[in-house]
N, C-alpha and C. Protein backbone atom coordinates (compact mmCIF):
# COMPACT_ATOMS: atom_id res chain seq x y z
N MET A 1 30.83 16.08 13.29
CA MET A 1 29.50 15.96 13.88
C MET A 1 28.58 15.21 12.92
N PRO A 2 27.88 14.16 13.40
CA PRO A 2 26.99 13.42 12.50
C PRO A 2 25.82 14.30 12.06
N PRO A 3 25.28 14.02 10.88
CA PRO A 3 24.18 14.85 10.38
C PRO A 3 22.92 14.65 11.20
N ASP A 4 22.09 15.67 11.24
CA ASP A 4 20.77 15.60 11.85
C ASP A 4 19.86 14.90 10.85
N LEU A 5 19.58 13.61 11.06
CA LEU A 5 18.88 12.83 10.04
C LEU A 5 17.45 13.32 9.78
N PRO A 6 16.66 13.64 10.80
CA PRO A 6 15.32 14.18 10.49
C PRO A 6 15.37 15.46 9.66
N GLN A 7 16.31 16.33 9.98
CA GLN A 7 16.44 17.57 9.21
C GLN A 7 16.91 17.28 7.79
N LEU A 8 17.87 16.35 7.65
CA LEU A 8 18.37 15.99 6.33
C LEU A 8 17.25 15.41 5.48
N ARG A 9 16.45 14.51 6.07
CA ARG A 9 15.31 13.95 5.34
C ARG A 9 14.38 15.05 4.86
N GLN A 10 14.07 15.97 5.74
CA GLN A 10 13.14 17.04 5.40
C GLN A 10 13.68 17.89 4.25
N GLN A 11 14.96 18.23 4.33
CA GLN A 11 15.56 19.09 3.30
C GLN A 11 15.60 18.39 1.94
N LEU A 12 16.06 17.15 1.92
CA LEU A 12 16.21 16.46 0.64
C LEU A 12 14.87 16.06 0.04
N ARG A 13 13.90 15.71 0.88
CA ARG A 13 12.56 15.41 0.35
C ARG A 13 11.94 16.66 -0.26
N ALA A 14 12.18 17.81 0.35
CA ALA A 14 11.66 19.06 -0.20
C ALA A 14 12.31 19.37 -1.55
N LEU A 15 13.61 19.15 -1.65
CA LEU A 15 14.30 19.37 -2.93
C LEU A 15 13.76 18.45 -4.01
N ARG A 16 13.48 17.20 -3.67
CA ARG A 16 12.90 16.27 -4.64
C ARG A 16 11.55 16.75 -5.14
N ARG A 17 10.71 17.12 -4.20
CA ARG A 17 9.35 17.54 -4.58
C ARG A 17 9.36 18.79 -5.44
N GLU A 18 10.34 19.66 -5.21
CA GLU A 18 10.39 20.94 -5.93
C GLU A 18 11.04 20.82 -7.30
N LEU A 19 11.64 19.68 -7.61
CA LEU A 19 12.33 19.53 -8.89
C LEU A 19 11.30 19.55 -10.02
N PRO A 20 11.48 20.40 -11.02
CA PRO A 20 10.52 20.46 -12.14
C PRO A 20 10.35 19.10 -12.80
N VAL A 21 9.14 18.84 -13.28
CA VAL A 21 8.83 17.56 -13.89
C VAL A 21 9.78 17.25 -15.04
N VAL A 22 10.12 18.25 -15.83
CA VAL A 22 11.00 18.00 -16.97
C VAL A 22 12.38 17.54 -16.49
N LYS A 23 12.85 18.09 -15.37
CA LYS A 23 14.13 17.66 -14.81
C LYS A 23 14.04 16.24 -14.25
N GLN A 24 12.90 15.92 -13.63
CA GLN A 24 12.70 14.57 -13.13
C GLN A 24 12.78 13.55 -14.27
N ARG A 25 12.11 13.87 -15.38
CA ARG A 25 12.09 12.96 -16.52
C ARG A 25 13.47 12.82 -17.14
N GLN A 26 14.20 13.93 -17.24
CA GLN A 26 15.55 13.87 -17.80
C GLN A 26 16.45 13.00 -16.93
N ALA A 27 16.33 13.13 -15.61
CA ALA A 27 17.16 12.35 -14.71
C ALA A 27 16.82 10.87 -14.81
N ALA A 28 15.53 10.54 -14.89
CA ALA A 28 15.12 9.14 -15.00
C ALA A 28 15.66 8.52 -16.28
N ARG A 29 15.64 9.28 -17.36
CA ARG A 29 16.17 8.77 -18.62
C ARG A 29 17.69 8.61 -18.54
N ALA A 30 18.38 9.55 -17.90
CA ALA A 30 19.84 9.44 -17.77
C ALA A 30 20.23 8.23 -16.93
N VAL A 31 19.49 7.98 -15.85
CA VAL A 31 19.76 6.82 -15.02
C VAL A 31 19.54 5.53 -15.82
N THR A 32 18.48 5.50 -16.61
CA THR A 32 18.21 4.34 -17.46
C THR A 32 19.37 4.10 -18.42
N ASP A 33 19.85 5.15 -19.04
CA ASP A 33 20.95 5.01 -19.99
C ASP A 33 22.22 4.48 -19.32
N ARG A 34 22.42 4.85 -18.05
CA ARG A 34 23.63 4.40 -17.34
C ARG A 34 23.55 2.93 -16.94
N LEU A 35 22.34 2.43 -16.71
CA LEU A 35 22.20 1.08 -16.18
C LEU A 35 21.99 0.00 -17.23
N THR A 36 21.39 0.33 -18.36
CA THR A 36 20.96 -0.73 -19.28
C THR A 36 22.11 -1.56 -19.86
N ASP A 37 23.31 -1.01 -19.91
CA ASP A 37 24.43 -1.81 -20.41
C ASP A 37 25.42 -2.17 -19.31
N TRP A 38 25.05 -1.92 -18.06
CA TRP A 38 25.90 -2.31 -16.93
C TRP A 38 25.78 -3.82 -16.72
N PRO A 39 26.89 -4.55 -16.60
CA PRO A 39 26.83 -6.02 -16.56
C PRO A 39 25.89 -6.59 -15.50
N GLY A 40 25.85 -5.99 -14.33
CA GLY A 40 24.98 -6.50 -13.28
C GLY A 40 23.51 -6.42 -13.66
N PHE A 41 23.14 -5.38 -14.37
CA PHE A 41 21.76 -5.24 -14.81
C PHE A 41 21.47 -6.14 -16.01
N VAL A 42 22.42 -6.22 -16.92
CA VAL A 42 22.23 -7.06 -18.11
C VAL A 42 22.01 -8.51 -17.70
N ALA A 43 22.76 -8.99 -16.70
CA ALA A 43 22.67 -10.39 -16.30
C ALA A 43 21.43 -10.70 -15.47
N ALA A 44 20.83 -9.70 -14.86
CA ALA A 44 19.70 -9.93 -13.96
C ALA A 44 18.47 -10.37 -14.74
N ARG A 45 17.78 -11.38 -14.22
CA ARG A 45 16.54 -11.85 -14.84
C ARG A 45 15.31 -11.41 -14.06
N ARG A 46 15.41 -11.35 -12.76
CA ARG A 46 14.30 -10.93 -11.91
C ARG A 46 14.68 -9.61 -11.24
N ILE A 47 14.00 -8.55 -11.64
CA ILE A 47 14.34 -7.20 -11.22
C ILE A 47 13.18 -6.59 -10.43
N ALA A 48 13.47 -6.06 -9.27
CA ALA A 48 12.46 -5.36 -8.49
C ALA A 48 12.64 -3.85 -8.66
N GLY A 49 11.54 -3.17 -8.90
CA GLY A 49 11.52 -1.72 -8.94
C GLY A 49 10.72 -1.19 -7.77
N TYR A 50 10.15 -0.02 -7.93
CA TYR A 50 9.29 0.57 -6.92
C TYR A 50 8.39 1.58 -7.61
N TRP A 51 7.32 1.96 -6.93
CA TRP A 51 6.42 2.97 -7.44
C TRP A 51 6.87 4.32 -6.90
N ALA A 52 7.36 5.20 -7.77
CA ALA A 52 7.93 6.47 -7.32
C ALA A 52 6.86 7.37 -6.69
N CYS A 53 7.16 7.90 -5.51
CA CYS A 53 6.26 8.81 -4.78
C CYS A 53 7.08 9.98 -4.24
N TYR A 54 6.43 11.09 -4.06
CA TYR A 54 7.03 12.24 -3.37
C TYR A 54 8.32 12.73 -4.04
N GLY A 55 8.35 12.67 -5.37
CA GLY A 55 9.50 13.17 -6.09
C GLY A 55 10.66 12.20 -6.22
N GLU A 56 10.49 10.95 -5.77
CA GLU A 56 11.57 9.97 -5.93
C GLU A 56 11.91 9.79 -7.41
N LEU A 57 13.17 9.47 -7.68
CA LEU A 57 13.54 9.22 -9.06
C LEU A 57 12.72 8.05 -9.60
N ASN A 58 12.11 8.26 -10.75
CA ASN A 58 11.15 7.30 -11.28
C ASN A 58 11.87 6.18 -12.04
N PRO A 59 11.72 4.92 -11.61
CA PRO A 59 12.38 3.81 -12.31
C PRO A 59 11.60 3.31 -13.52
N LEU A 60 10.43 3.90 -13.82
CA LEU A 60 9.58 3.33 -14.86
C LEU A 60 10.29 3.21 -16.21
N PRO A 61 11.05 4.20 -16.70
CA PRO A 61 11.75 4.00 -17.97
C PRO A 61 12.68 2.79 -17.96
N LEU A 62 13.29 2.53 -16.82
CA LEU A 62 14.17 1.38 -16.69
C LEU A 62 13.37 0.07 -16.67
N LEU A 63 12.23 0.09 -16.01
CA LEU A 63 11.37 -1.10 -15.98
C LEU A 63 10.80 -1.38 -17.37
N GLU A 64 10.46 -0.34 -18.10
CA GLU A 64 9.97 -0.53 -19.47
C GLU A 64 11.06 -1.16 -20.34
N TRP A 65 12.29 -0.72 -20.17
CA TRP A 65 13.40 -1.32 -20.91
C TRP A 65 13.52 -2.80 -20.54
N ALA A 66 13.38 -3.10 -19.25
CA ALA A 66 13.48 -4.49 -18.79
C ALA A 66 12.39 -5.35 -19.43
N TRP A 67 11.16 -4.85 -19.49
CA TRP A 67 10.09 -5.60 -20.15
C TRP A 67 10.44 -5.89 -21.61
N ASN A 68 11.01 -4.90 -22.27
CA ASN A 68 11.30 -5.03 -23.70
C ASN A 68 12.37 -6.08 -23.99
N VAL A 69 13.19 -6.40 -23.00
CA VAL A 69 14.21 -7.44 -23.20
C VAL A 69 13.87 -8.70 -22.40
N ASN A 70 12.59 -8.83 -22.08
CA ASN A 70 12.04 -10.06 -21.48
C ASN A 70 12.57 -10.39 -20.09
N LYS A 71 12.86 -9.35 -19.31
CA LYS A 71 13.16 -9.56 -17.91
C LYS A 71 11.86 -9.54 -17.11
N ALA A 72 11.82 -10.26 -16.00
CA ALA A 72 10.66 -10.26 -15.12
C ALA A 72 10.80 -9.10 -14.13
N VAL A 73 9.73 -8.32 -14.00
CA VAL A 73 9.74 -7.12 -13.16
C VAL A 73 8.78 -7.32 -11.99
N TYR A 74 9.20 -6.84 -10.83
CA TYR A 74 8.42 -6.97 -9.60
C TYR A 74 8.37 -5.63 -8.88
N LEU A 75 7.30 -5.44 -8.09
CA LEU A 75 7.18 -4.28 -7.21
C LEU A 75 7.00 -4.76 -5.78
N PRO A 76 7.46 -3.97 -4.81
CA PRO A 76 7.31 -4.39 -3.41
C PRO A 76 5.86 -4.34 -2.95
N VAL A 77 5.52 -5.29 -2.09
CA VAL A 77 4.22 -5.31 -1.41
C VAL A 77 4.51 -5.47 0.08
N LEU A 78 3.69 -4.85 0.90
CA LEU A 78 3.86 -4.95 2.35
C LEU A 78 3.48 -6.34 2.82
N ALA A 79 4.33 -6.93 3.63
CA ALA A 79 4.08 -8.28 4.15
C ALA A 79 3.89 -8.20 5.66
N ASP A 80 3.08 -9.10 6.18
CA ASP A 80 2.81 -9.14 7.61
C ASP A 80 3.78 -10.03 8.38
N SER A 81 4.43 -10.93 7.67
CA SER A 81 5.33 -11.87 8.34
C SER A 81 6.62 -12.01 7.55
N PRO A 82 7.77 -11.62 8.12
CA PRO A 82 7.87 -10.93 9.40
C PRO A 82 7.27 -9.52 9.34
N PRO A 83 6.95 -8.94 10.49
CA PRO A 83 6.30 -7.62 10.49
C PRO A 83 7.12 -6.56 9.78
N GLN A 84 6.42 -5.67 9.09
CA GLN A 84 7.04 -4.52 8.41
C GLN A 84 8.19 -4.95 7.49
N SER A 85 7.91 -5.93 6.67
CA SER A 85 8.88 -6.36 5.67
C SER A 85 8.22 -6.36 4.30
N LEU A 86 8.98 -6.68 3.29
CA LEU A 86 8.51 -6.62 1.91
C LEU A 86 8.59 -7.99 1.24
N ARG A 87 7.63 -8.23 0.37
CA ARG A 87 7.73 -9.28 -0.63
C ARG A 87 7.61 -8.58 -1.98
N PHE A 88 7.72 -9.32 -3.06
CA PHE A 88 7.79 -8.69 -4.37
C PHE A 88 6.83 -9.39 -5.33
N ALA A 89 5.89 -8.61 -5.87
CA ALA A 89 4.83 -9.14 -6.72
C ALA A 89 5.11 -8.83 -8.18
N PRO A 90 4.78 -9.75 -9.09
CA PRO A 90 5.04 -9.51 -10.52
C PRO A 90 4.25 -8.32 -11.03
N TYR A 91 4.90 -7.56 -11.89
CA TYR A 91 4.30 -6.34 -12.42
C TYR A 91 4.63 -6.21 -13.90
N SER A 92 3.61 -6.03 -14.70
CA SER A 92 3.77 -5.82 -16.13
C SER A 92 2.67 -4.86 -16.58
N PRO A 93 2.75 -4.34 -17.81
CA PRO A 93 1.69 -3.44 -18.28
C PRO A 93 0.32 -4.11 -18.16
N GLY A 94 -0.59 -3.41 -17.54
CA GLY A 94 -1.93 -3.96 -17.37
C GLY A 94 -2.17 -4.68 -16.07
N THR A 95 -1.13 -4.88 -15.25
CA THR A 95 -1.33 -5.51 -13.95
C THR A 95 -2.22 -4.64 -13.08
N PRO A 96 -3.30 -5.19 -12.51
CA PRO A 96 -4.15 -4.37 -11.63
C PRO A 96 -3.38 -3.96 -10.38
N LEU A 97 -3.72 -2.78 -9.86
CA LEU A 97 -3.03 -2.23 -8.69
C LEU A 97 -4.02 -1.97 -7.57
N ARG A 98 -3.52 -2.01 -6.35
CA ARG A 98 -4.30 -1.59 -5.18
C ARG A 98 -3.38 -0.71 -4.34
N HIS A 99 -3.95 0.10 -3.47
CA HIS A 99 -3.16 0.99 -2.63
C HIS A 99 -2.97 0.37 -1.25
N ASN A 100 -1.73 0.38 -0.76
CA ASN A 100 -1.47 -0.13 0.57
C ASN A 100 -1.78 0.94 1.63
N ARG A 101 -1.43 0.66 2.86
CA ARG A 101 -1.81 1.59 3.93
C ARG A 101 -1.06 2.91 3.87
N PHE A 102 0.01 2.96 3.09
CA PHE A 102 0.72 4.22 2.87
C PHE A 102 0.26 4.91 1.59
N ASN A 103 -0.80 4.37 0.99
CA ASN A 103 -1.37 4.89 -0.26
C ASN A 103 -0.42 4.74 -1.45
N ILE A 104 0.47 3.76 -1.38
CA ILE A 104 1.39 3.46 -2.47
C ILE A 104 0.82 2.29 -3.27
N PRO A 105 0.73 2.39 -4.60
CA PRO A 105 0.19 1.29 -5.40
C PRO A 105 1.06 0.02 -5.32
N GLU A 106 0.38 -1.11 -5.23
CA GLU A 106 1.01 -2.43 -5.26
C GLU A 106 0.28 -3.29 -6.28
N PRO A 107 0.96 -4.24 -6.92
CA PRO A 107 0.27 -5.18 -7.81
C PRO A 107 -0.80 -5.96 -7.03
N ASP A 108 -1.97 -6.01 -7.58
CA ASP A 108 -3.09 -6.72 -6.94
C ASP A 108 -3.11 -8.14 -7.47
N VAL A 109 -2.19 -8.95 -6.97
CA VAL A 109 -2.06 -10.35 -7.41
C VAL A 109 -2.03 -11.25 -6.19
N SER A 110 -2.25 -12.52 -6.39
CA SER A 110 -2.28 -13.49 -5.30
C SER A 110 -0.92 -13.59 -4.61
N PRO A 111 -0.91 -13.70 -3.28
CA PRO A 111 0.37 -13.88 -2.57
C PRO A 111 1.17 -15.09 -3.04
N GLU A 112 0.50 -16.06 -3.65
CA GLU A 112 1.23 -17.21 -4.17
C GLU A 112 2.22 -16.82 -5.27
N GLN A 113 1.99 -15.65 -5.87
CA GLN A 113 2.89 -15.19 -6.94
C GLN A 113 4.02 -14.31 -6.42
N TRP A 114 4.00 -13.97 -5.15
CA TRP A 114 5.04 -13.11 -4.60
C TRP A 114 6.37 -13.84 -4.51
N LEU A 115 7.45 -13.09 -4.68
CA LEU A 115 8.79 -13.63 -4.48
C LEU A 115 9.34 -13.21 -3.13
N GLU A 116 10.19 -14.07 -2.57
CA GLU A 116 10.99 -13.70 -1.41
C GLU A 116 12.14 -12.80 -1.86
N PRO A 117 12.64 -11.93 -1.00
CA PRO A 117 13.78 -11.08 -1.38
C PRO A 117 14.98 -11.89 -1.88
N THR A 118 15.17 -13.10 -1.34
CA THR A 118 16.31 -13.93 -1.75
C THR A 118 16.20 -14.41 -3.19
N GLU A 119 15.02 -14.33 -3.79
CA GLU A 119 14.81 -14.85 -5.14
C GLU A 119 15.09 -13.81 -6.23
N LEU A 120 15.33 -12.58 -5.84
CA LEU A 120 15.57 -11.52 -6.82
C LEU A 120 17.03 -11.50 -7.25
N ASP A 121 17.26 -10.97 -8.45
CA ASP A 121 18.63 -10.79 -8.94
C ASP A 121 19.13 -9.37 -8.74
N LEU A 122 18.23 -8.41 -8.80
CA LEU A 122 18.61 -7.01 -8.70
C LEU A 122 17.43 -6.22 -8.17
N VAL A 123 17.70 -5.31 -7.25
CA VAL A 123 16.65 -4.53 -6.60
C VAL A 123 16.96 -3.05 -6.77
N LEU A 124 16.06 -2.33 -7.42
CA LEU A 124 16.16 -0.88 -7.54
C LEU A 124 15.48 -0.27 -6.32
N MET A 125 16.22 0.52 -5.55
CA MET A 125 15.73 0.99 -4.26
C MET A 125 15.61 2.50 -4.23
N PRO A 126 14.48 3.02 -3.74
CA PRO A 126 14.38 4.47 -3.53
C PRO A 126 15.21 4.85 -2.31
N LEU A 127 15.54 6.11 -2.21
CA LEU A 127 16.30 6.58 -1.05
C LEU A 127 16.13 8.08 -0.88
N VAL A 128 16.48 8.53 0.31
CA VAL A 128 16.50 9.96 0.59
C VAL A 128 17.91 10.50 0.44
N ALA A 129 18.91 9.70 0.86
CA ALA A 129 20.31 10.10 0.72
C ALA A 129 21.19 8.86 0.71
N PHE A 130 22.40 9.02 0.19
CA PHE A 130 23.42 7.97 0.25
C PHE A 130 24.78 8.62 0.36
N ASP A 131 25.76 7.85 0.82
CA ASP A 131 27.11 8.41 0.91
C ASP A 131 28.08 7.56 0.11
N GLN A 132 29.37 7.91 0.19
CA GLN A 132 30.39 7.30 -0.66
C GLN A 132 30.72 5.87 -0.26
N THR A 133 30.20 5.40 0.86
CA THR A 133 30.44 4.02 1.28
C THR A 133 29.26 3.11 0.94
N GLY A 134 28.17 3.68 0.41
CA GLY A 134 26.99 2.88 0.11
C GLY A 134 25.97 2.87 1.22
N THR A 135 26.19 3.62 2.28
CA THR A 135 25.18 3.72 3.32
C THR A 135 23.98 4.47 2.76
N ARG A 136 22.80 3.93 3.01
CA ARG A 136 21.55 4.47 2.47
C ARG A 136 20.68 5.03 3.58
N LEU A 137 20.12 6.20 3.35
CA LEU A 137 19.12 6.79 4.24
C LEU A 137 17.77 6.70 3.54
N GLY A 138 16.85 5.93 4.13
CA GLY A 138 15.52 5.80 3.57
C GLY A 138 14.53 6.69 4.29
N MET A 139 13.28 6.28 4.26
CA MET A 139 12.22 7.07 4.88
C MET A 139 12.13 6.84 6.38
N GLY A 140 12.84 5.86 6.89
CA GLY A 140 12.85 5.63 8.32
C GLY A 140 12.03 4.45 8.79
N GLY A 141 11.32 3.79 7.89
CA GLY A 141 10.50 2.65 8.29
C GLY A 141 11.26 1.35 8.42
N GLY A 142 12.42 1.25 7.79
CA GLY A 142 13.25 0.06 7.90
C GLY A 142 12.77 -1.14 7.10
N PHE A 143 11.84 -0.95 6.16
CA PHE A 143 11.28 -2.08 5.42
C PHE A 143 12.35 -2.80 4.60
N TYR A 144 13.19 -2.05 3.89
CA TYR A 144 14.21 -2.69 3.07
C TYR A 144 15.29 -3.34 3.93
N ASP A 145 15.67 -2.68 5.03
CA ASP A 145 16.69 -3.27 5.90
C ASP A 145 16.20 -4.60 6.48
N ARG A 146 14.95 -4.66 6.92
CA ARG A 146 14.44 -5.92 7.46
C ARG A 146 14.34 -6.99 6.38
N SER A 147 13.95 -6.58 5.18
CA SER A 147 13.73 -7.55 4.11
C SER A 147 15.03 -8.15 3.60
N PHE A 148 16.10 -7.37 3.63
CA PHE A 148 17.38 -7.84 3.10
C PHE A 148 18.42 -8.07 4.19
N ALA A 149 17.95 -8.24 5.42
CA ALA A 149 18.87 -8.46 6.54
C ALA A 149 19.70 -9.73 6.36
N PHE A 150 19.20 -10.68 5.56
CA PHE A 150 19.96 -11.92 5.35
C PHE A 150 21.33 -11.64 4.74
N LEU A 151 21.48 -10.52 4.05
CA LEU A 151 22.77 -10.19 3.44
C LEU A 151 23.83 -9.82 4.48
N LEU A 152 23.40 -9.52 5.69
CA LEU A 152 24.33 -9.15 6.76
C LEU A 152 24.80 -10.35 7.57
N LYS A 153 24.23 -11.52 7.34
CA LYS A 153 24.61 -12.69 8.13
C LYS A 153 26.05 -13.09 7.83
N PRO A 154 26.86 -13.28 8.86
CA PRO A 154 28.25 -13.70 8.63
C PRO A 154 28.29 -15.02 7.85
N GLY A 155 29.11 -15.03 6.83
CA GLY A 155 29.27 -16.25 6.06
C GLY A 155 28.17 -16.54 5.07
N TYR A 156 27.24 -15.59 4.88
CA TYR A 156 26.16 -15.84 3.92
C TYR A 156 26.73 -15.91 2.51
N LEU A 157 26.56 -17.04 1.85
CA LEU A 157 27.16 -17.25 0.52
C LEU A 157 26.13 -17.64 -0.52
N ASP A 158 24.86 -17.63 -0.16
CA ASP A 158 23.82 -17.99 -1.12
C ASP A 158 23.58 -16.82 -2.09
N HIS A 159 22.53 -16.96 -2.88
CA HIS A 159 22.23 -15.95 -3.90
C HIS A 159 22.12 -14.56 -3.29
N ARG A 160 22.82 -13.61 -3.88
CA ARG A 160 22.86 -12.24 -3.37
C ARG A 160 22.33 -11.28 -4.45
N PRO A 161 21.14 -10.75 -4.26
CA PRO A 161 20.67 -9.74 -5.23
C PRO A 161 21.49 -8.46 -5.13
N TRP A 162 21.71 -7.83 -6.26
CA TRP A 162 22.31 -6.50 -6.26
C TRP A 162 21.31 -5.51 -5.70
N LEU A 163 21.75 -4.66 -4.79
CA LEU A 163 20.92 -3.58 -4.25
C LEU A 163 21.41 -2.27 -4.83
N ILE A 164 20.58 -1.67 -5.67
CA ILE A 164 20.98 -0.48 -6.43
C ILE A 164 20.09 0.70 -6.05
N GLY A 165 20.68 1.72 -5.47
CA GLY A 165 19.93 2.92 -5.11
C GLY A 165 19.79 3.84 -6.31
N LEU A 166 18.59 4.37 -6.52
CA LEU A 166 18.33 5.35 -7.58
C LEU A 166 18.05 6.70 -6.95
N SER A 167 18.72 7.74 -7.43
CA SER A 167 18.51 9.05 -6.82
C SER A 167 19.01 10.15 -7.74
N TYR A 168 18.78 11.35 -7.31
CA TYR A 168 19.36 12.53 -7.96
C TYR A 168 20.72 12.80 -7.34
N GLU A 169 21.58 13.46 -8.09
CA GLU A 169 22.93 13.72 -7.60
C GLU A 169 22.93 14.53 -6.31
N PHE A 170 21.95 15.41 -6.13
CA PHE A 170 21.94 16.23 -4.92
C PHE A 170 21.63 15.42 -3.67
N GLN A 171 21.26 14.15 -3.82
CA GLN A 171 21.00 13.30 -2.67
C GLN A 171 22.26 12.60 -2.16
N LYS A 172 23.38 12.77 -2.83
CA LYS A 172 24.65 12.24 -2.33
C LYS A 172 25.19 13.18 -1.26
N VAL A 173 25.52 12.62 -0.11
CA VAL A 173 26.05 13.41 1.00
C VAL A 173 27.42 12.86 1.40
N ALA A 174 28.15 13.64 2.18
CA ALA A 174 29.52 13.26 2.51
C ALA A 174 29.57 11.99 3.35
N GLU A 175 28.72 11.91 4.37
CA GLU A 175 28.80 10.76 5.26
C GLU A 175 27.48 10.59 5.99
N LEU A 176 27.07 9.33 6.15
CA LEU A 176 25.89 8.98 6.92
C LEU A 176 26.29 7.97 8.00
N PRO A 177 25.67 8.04 9.16
CA PRO A 177 25.94 7.01 10.17
C PRO A 177 25.35 5.67 9.72
N ARG A 178 26.05 4.59 9.99
CA ARG A 178 25.54 3.26 9.64
C ARG A 178 25.37 2.43 10.90
N GLN A 179 24.14 1.99 11.13
CA GLN A 179 23.84 1.14 12.27
C GLN A 179 24.09 -0.33 11.91
N SER A 180 24.13 -1.17 12.91
CA SER A 180 24.44 -2.58 12.67
C SER A 180 23.39 -3.26 11.80
N TRP A 181 22.16 -2.74 11.79
CA TRP A 181 21.08 -3.35 11.01
C TRP A 181 20.93 -2.73 9.61
N ASP A 182 21.71 -1.71 9.31
CA ASP A 182 21.61 -1.04 8.01
C ASP A 182 22.24 -1.91 6.93
N VAL A 183 21.47 -2.22 5.90
CA VAL A 183 21.99 -3.00 4.77
C VAL A 183 22.50 -2.02 3.72
N PRO A 184 23.80 -2.04 3.41
CA PRO A 184 24.34 -1.06 2.47
C PRO A 184 23.96 -1.37 1.03
N LEU A 185 24.06 -0.35 0.21
CA LEU A 185 23.86 -0.49 -1.23
C LEU A 185 25.09 -1.14 -1.86
N ASP A 186 24.86 -1.86 -2.94
CA ASP A 186 25.96 -2.33 -3.77
C ASP A 186 26.40 -1.27 -4.76
N ALA A 187 25.44 -0.42 -5.15
CA ALA A 187 25.74 0.65 -6.11
C ALA A 187 24.67 1.72 -5.98
N ALA A 188 24.97 2.91 -6.46
CA ALA A 188 24.00 4.00 -6.53
C ALA A 188 24.13 4.65 -7.90
N VAL A 189 23.00 5.01 -8.48
CA VAL A 189 22.97 5.60 -9.81
C VAL A 189 22.22 6.92 -9.75
N THR A 190 22.84 7.96 -10.28
CA THR A 190 22.19 9.25 -10.42
C THR A 190 22.26 9.67 -11.88
N GLU A 191 21.71 10.84 -12.17
CA GLU A 191 21.78 11.34 -13.54
C GLU A 191 23.21 11.66 -13.97
N GLN A 192 24.14 11.72 -12.99
CA GLN A 192 25.52 12.08 -13.31
C GLN A 192 26.50 10.92 -13.24
N ALA A 193 26.18 9.88 -12.48
CA ALA A 193 27.20 8.84 -12.28
C ALA A 193 26.58 7.53 -11.81
N LEU A 194 27.28 6.44 -12.14
CA LEU A 194 27.03 5.11 -11.57
C LEU A 194 28.20 4.81 -10.65
N ARG A 195 27.90 4.64 -9.37
CA ARG A 195 28.94 4.38 -8.39
C ARG A 195 28.73 2.96 -7.83
N VAL A 196 29.75 2.13 -7.96
CA VAL A 196 29.69 0.77 -7.43
C VAL A 196 30.57 0.72 -6.17
N PHE A 197 29.97 0.30 -5.07
CA PHE A 197 30.68 0.23 -3.80
C PHE A 197 31.19 -1.20 -3.63
N GLU A 198 32.30 -1.49 -4.27
CA GLU A 198 32.77 -2.87 -4.39
C GLU A 198 32.97 -3.53 -3.04
N GLU A 199 33.37 -2.75 -2.04
CA GLU A 199 33.65 -3.36 -0.76
C GLU A 199 32.38 -3.87 -0.08
N THR A 200 31.20 -3.42 -0.52
CA THR A 200 29.97 -3.90 0.11
C THR A 200 29.40 -5.10 -0.61
N ARG A 201 29.98 -5.48 -1.74
CA ARG A 201 29.37 -6.53 -2.55
C ARG A 201 29.67 -7.92 -2.04
N TRP A 202 30.92 -8.16 -1.62
CA TRP A 202 31.30 -9.51 -1.22
C TRP A 202 31.87 -9.51 0.18
């Protein structure tokens, strides 16, 4: 029987919010340690993160490491065209922020500085759950799926950013349904493991 996705979202979001701050910080540091010497991350020059909300695993320690080795860091911004999609704005210490309609901070920079999803090398993605095939369950808005839909095009051979889900180990589930528009993860990283879903990469 397929999982009840609304119920699963509710349960896992509650577990995230209830996780003690010290545990959240320990997990973020463990994820950073697992990724900083991974070849896909080492080779990436343009890295997108996200602003952690509602107990999501915080990528900030990883972004700080990226700054220290002169990688360019970006955060998602809501784009109007196409509707409900993302672009990626440069983010560094001191970048001014503004809140979008979901009250999530975004870099307050000119749209001329935004990158298209195709221009990124690696994308750190928040999630509610993932399974052993790389299927990702997000918040339900479909922003990442719409933004990276180009990766699902048959025969697409152009630049492919790595899509890396960051989460706690308790967010791994046995199986999630995958719709035709769902863009799978290339890898998922938790405080316990780095899992690369090789079959979704090429």
